[in-house]
């Protein structure tokens, strides 16, 4: 059986009032997606693509330039599956909010 590769998506929006075998490789990709064009954010990820065996620890840096009073949302998506909400973070210092299947100890 071929491993399904998760896709991590970074979604940045303006803040308003409001089983696979452990030995198979997993591909992790973080993509800047759905950012408001008017805010002209610059999203940079290093490395742009990272492949590692499932169960291994990885590290990916994501920097957001021109990020002012916006929420950043992270999603994980495995091919042929719905996206899963991972994390919401606010540049204003509010506590991070994690999705139901993710915890701060993992991110």
Protein backbone atom coordinates (compact mmCIF):
# COMPACT_ATOMS: atom_id res chain seq x y z
CA UNK A 1 0.00 0.00 0.00
CA UNK A 2 1.35 3.43 -0.93
CA UNK A 3 1.69 6.01 1.85
CA UNK A 4 -0.64 8.97 1.73
CA UNK A 5 1.25 12.24 1.90
CA UNK A 6 -0.12 14.94 4.20
CA UNK A 7 -0.33 18.48 2.92
CA UNK A 8 0.01 21.32 5.41
CA UNK A 9 -1.65 24.56 4.34
CA UNK A 10 -1.09 27.92 5.95
CA UNK A 11 -4.14 30.15 5.68
CA UNK A 12 -3.78 33.75 6.78
CA UNK A 13 -6.81 35.99 7.14
CA UNK A 14 -7.50 39.46 8.47
CA UNK A 15 -8.75 39.38 12.07
CA UNK A 16 -12.26 40.79 12.30
CA UNK A 17 -14.72 41.17 15.16
CA UNK A 18 -15.22 38.52 15.54
CA UNK A 19 -2.49 4.27 8.49
CA UNK A 20 -0.10 3.96 6.81
CA UNK A 21 2.87 1.72 7.61
CA UNK A 22 5.33 3.55 9.88
CA UNK A 23 8.19 2.67 7.55
CA UNK A 24 6.67 4.33 4.48
CA UNK A 25 7.85 7.87 3.67
CA UNK A 26 5.59 10.80 4.34
CA UNK A 27 5.79 14.06 2.45
CA UNK A 28 5.06 17.25 4.36
CA UNK A 29 4.42 20.42 2.43
CA UNK A 30 3.41 23.81 3.76
CA UNK A 31 1.76 26.10 1.26
CA UNK A 32 0.70 29.71 1.63
CA UNK A 33 -2.95 29.61 0.69
CA UNK A 34 -5.92 31.93 0.62
CA UNK A 35 -4.05 35.00 1.91
CA UNK A 36 -5.78 38.33 1.37
CA UNK A 37 -4.14 39.97 -1.64
CA UNK A 38 -4.66 43.48 -0.28
CA UNK A 39 -2.46 42.81 2.76
CA UNK A 40 0.53 41.83 0.59
CA UNK A 41 1.87 39.32 3.08
CA UNK A 42 5.09 37.55 2.17
CA UNK A 43 5.08 33.90 3.29
CA UNK A 44 8.37 31.99 3.25
CA UNK A 45 8.86 28.35 4.21
CA UNK A 46 12.19 26.56 4.65
CA UNK A 47 12.53 23.92 3.32
CA UNK A 48 9.77 24.19 0.75
CA UNK A 49 9.29 20.38 0.74
CA UNK A 50 10.39 17.90 3.41
CA UNK A 51 10.19 14.09 3.17
CA UNK A 52 10.57 11.85 6.22
CA UNK A 53 9.33 8.49 7.48
CA UNK A 54 6.03 8.57 9.33
CA UNK A 55 6.54 8.91 13.08
CA UNK A 56 9.78 10.88 12.76
CA UNK A 57 10.09 14.45 14.05
CA UNK A 58 10.47 17.20 11.46
CA UNK A 59 11.05 20.93 11.66
CA UNK A 60 9.81 23.51 9.17
CA UNK A 61 10.27 27.27 9.50
CA UNK A 62 7.55 29.58 8.22
CA UNK A 63 8.03 33.34 8.28
CA UNK A 64 5.34 35.91 7.55
CA UNK A 65 6.42 39.42 6.58
CA UNK A 66 4.01 42.37 6.69
CA UNK A 67 1.80 40.44 9.11
CA UNK A 68 -0.30 42.91 11.11
CA UNK A 69 -3.22 41.93 13.35
CA UNK A 70 -4.13 38.81 11.44
CA UNK A 71 -4.90 35.27 12.39
CA UNK A 72 -2.83 32.49 10.84
CA UNK A 73 -4.57 29.15 10.36
CA UNK A 74 -2.73 25.86 9.75
CA UNK A 75 -4.41 22.85 8.13
CA UNK A 76 -3.22 19.31 7.41
CA UNK A 77 -4.58 17.43 4.41
CA UNK A 78 -3.94 13.86 3.32
CA UNK A 79 -4.80 13.15 -0.35
CA UNK A 80 -8.43 12.11 -0.84
CA UNK A 81 -9.28 13.33 2.68
CA UNK A 82 -10.81 16.51 4.03
CA UNK A 83 -8.45 19.13 5.50
CA UNK A 84 -7.98 18.95 9.29
CA UNK A 85 -7.68 22.12 11.34
CA UNK A 86 -4.33 22.12 13.20
CA UNK A 87 -3.72 25.54 14.72
CA UNK A 88 -4.84 29.17 14.83
CA UNK A 89 -2.32 31.77 15.95
CA UNK A 90 -2.70 35.53 16.35
CA UNK A 91 0.06 38.09 15.86
CA UNK A 92 -1.46 40.14 18.71
CA UNK A 93 -0.33 37.68 21.38
CA UNK A 94 -3.60 35.82 22.00
CA UNK A 95 -3.12 32.18 23.05
CA UNK A 96 -2.87 29.67 20.20
CA UNK A 97 -5.94 27.51 19.57
CA UNK A 98 -5.42 23.88 18.50
CA UNK A 99 -7.74 21.58 16.57
CA UNK A 100 -9.33 18.66 18.40
CA UNK A 101 -6.86 16.02 17.14
CA UNK A 102 -3.73 18.16 17.60
CA UNK A 103 -1.97 19.46 20.69
CA UNK A 104 0.63 22.08 21.51
CA UNK A 105 3.12 19.35 22.43
CA UNK A 106 3.18 18.23 18.79
CA UNK A 107 3.65 21.69 17.25
